[in-house]
Amino acid sequence: MTKYLNLVACFLILFFCACIPTFKPHQVIIQDDFVEIKFGRKMSRELLDSIRNAVSAKGIDLSYQDIIYDGNKLTRLEIQVIAGNKVGHGTTNFVFKGKPFGFRVDNRPTAQVFLKVGELE
């Protein structure tokens, strides 16, 4: 009987560990004709500012309209992106729905969409 109780206890521990939410990391891709930024909850204000400076060097104006932290984790982020004559705006509360939040500026000849802001696929 104790053998089964130990087995059930191990199963429950594994089940609860699997249910603990993990935060998606941020991702930054900056190339000559392609910029893609995916924001994550564990981004400091300094990191957000350094990303804004890096994309500014590519002619992209990134501004943070609203930033809210809960401790050291982002809980709300509102951005505005201006690239060329295109303007995009997006907001997230970091409720993960399978798609990361961020923006993409694609100036490659094969690009179908030049500017995308919000959930990225």
Protein backbone atom coordinates (compact mmCIF):
# COMPACT_ATOMS: atom_id res chain seq x y z
CA MET A 1 0.00 0.00 0.00
CA THR A 2 2.81 2.45 0.85
CA LYS A 3 4.37 1.58 -2.48
CA TYR A 4 1.28 2.90 -4.27
CA LEU A 5 1.09 5.98 -2.06
CA ASN A 6 4.71 6.80 -2.88
CA LEU A 7 3.99 6.33 -6.57
CA VAL A 8 0.93 8.60 -6.38
CA ALA A 9 2.92 11.21 -4.43
CA CYS A 10 5.69 11.18 -7.06
CA PHE A 11 3.12 11.51 -9.83
CA LEU A 12 1.44 14.47 -8.10
CA ILE A 13 4.79 16.23 -7.59
CA LEU A 14 5.68 15.78 -11.25
CA PHE A 15 2.23 16.97 -12.30
CA PHE A 16 2.43 20.16 -10.23
CA CYS A 17 5.98 20.90 -11.41
CA ALA A 18 4.81 20.60 -15.02
CA CYS A 19 2.03 23.11 -14.35
CA ILE A 20 4.32 25.84 -13.02
CA PRO A 21 4.30 28.59 -15.67
CA THR A 22 7.57 29.34 -17.37
CA PHE A 23 8.17 32.70 -18.96
CA LYS A 24 9.09 32.89 -22.61
CA PRO A 25 12.45 34.60 -23.02
CA HIS A 26 12.84 37.71 -25.11
CA GLN A 27 14.37 37.53 -28.56
CA VAL A 28 16.20 40.24 -30.49
CA ILE A 29 17.12 39.91 -34.18
CA ILE A 30 18.65 42.95 -35.85
CA GLN A 31 19.91 42.57 -39.42
CA ASP A 32 20.43 45.00 -42.30
CA ASP A 33 16.93 44.56 -43.76
CA PHE A 34 15.10 42.71 -40.97
CA VAL A 35 14.38 43.55 -37.32
CA GLU A 36 12.32 41.35 -35.02
CA ILE A 37 11.86 41.93 -31.30
CA LYS A 38 9.90 39.55 -29.06
CA PHE A 39 9.35 40.86 -25.56
CA GLY A 40 9.46 38.68 -22.45
CA ARG A 41 8.34 39.20 -18.87
CA LYS A 42 11.86 39.15 -17.43
CA MET A 43 13.09 42.29 -19.21
CA SER A 44 14.51 45.13 -17.15
CA ARG A 45 13.92 48.78 -17.96
CA GLU A 46 17.60 49.04 -18.93
CA LEU A 47 17.20 46.20 -21.43
CA LEU A 48 14.08 47.82 -22.92
CA ASP A 49 15.99 51.10 -23.28
CA SER A 50 18.96 49.37 -24.93
CA ILE A 51 16.61 47.69 -27.44
CA ARG A 52 15.06 51.07 -28.23
CA ASN A 53 18.54 52.51 -28.85
CA ALA A 54 19.59 49.54 -31.01
CA VAL A 55 16.54 49.72 -33.29
CA SER A 56 16.86 53.50 -33.46
CA ALA A 57 20.20 52.98 -35.20
CA LYS A 58 18.21 51.14 -37.92
CA GLY A 59 15.83 54.09 -38.37
CA ILE A 60 13.03 52.60 -36.27
CA ASP A 61 11.38 54.76 -33.62
CA LEU A 62 10.28 52.55 -30.70
CA SER A 63 8.49 54.17 -27.78
CA TYR A 64 7.03 52.60 -24.66
CA GLN A 65 3.65 54.16 -23.96
CA ASP A 66 3.07 52.13 -20.77
CA ILE A 67 5.32 49.85 -18.72
CA ILE A 68 4.08 48.13 -15.55
CA TYR A 69 6.13 45.73 -13.41
CA ASP A 70 5.07 43.34 -10.66
CA GLY A 71 8.32 43.00 -8.77
CA ASN A 72 10.89 42.35 -11.48
CA LYS A 73 8.46 40.90 -14.04
CA LEU A 74 6.68 42.88 -16.73
CA THR A 75 2.92 42.65 -16.41
CA ARG A 76 1.92 45.20 -19.04
CA LEU A 77 3.72 46.69 -22.01
CA GLU A 78 2.36 49.13 -24.56
CA ILE A 79 4.54 50.05 -27.53
CA GLN A 80 4.44 52.28 -30.58
CA VAL A 81 6.68 51.58 -33.56
CA ILE A 82 7.33 54.00 -36.41
CA ALA A 83 9.28 52.63 -39.38
CA GLY A 84 9.41 54.63 -42.57
CA ASN A 85 5.92 56.02 -43.08
CA LYS A 86 4.23 53.14 -41.21
CA VAL A 87 3.03 53.32 -37.60
CA GLY A 88 2.10 50.36 -35.42
CA HIS A 89 0.77 50.14 -31.88
CA GLY A 90 0.38 47.16 -29.57
CA THR A 91 -0.38 46.27 -25.95
CA THR A 92 0.11 43.09 -23.96
CA ASN A 93 -0.63 41.92 -20.44
CA PHE A 94 1.65 38.90 -21.04
CA VAL A 95 -1.14 36.33 -21.03
CA PHE A 96 0.58 33.75 -23.23
CA LYS A 97 -1.76 32.55 -25.98
CA GLY A 98 0.80 30.62 -27.97
CA LYS A 99 2.21 33.59 -29.87
CA PRO A 100 4.90 35.97 -28.60
CA PHE A 101 4.32 39.73 -28.41
CA GLY A 102 6.61 42.10 -30.25
CA PHE A 103 7.20 43.73 -33.59
CA ARG A 104 8.80 42.97 -36.93
CA VAL A 105 10.12 45.33 -39.61
CA ASP A 106 10.84 43.36 -42.77
CA ASN A 107 12.41 45.29 -45.62
CA ARG A 108 13.53 42.23 -47.62
CA PRO A 109 12.36 42.00 -51.25
CA THR A 110 10.34 38.86 -50.46
CA ALA A 111 8.50 40.43 -47.50
CA GLN A 112 4.72 40.47 -47.68
CA VAL A 113 4.24 42.77 -44.67
CA PHE A 114 6.68 45.61 -43.93
CA LEU A 115 5.59 46.33 -40.32
CA LYS A 116 3.82 44.03 -37.89
CA VAL A 117 3.16 44.94 -34.23
CA GLY A 118 1.43 42.69 -31.69
CA GLU A 119 1.28 38.91 -31.62
CA LEU A 120 3.89 37.43 -33.93
CA GLU A 121 3.71 33.99 -35.49
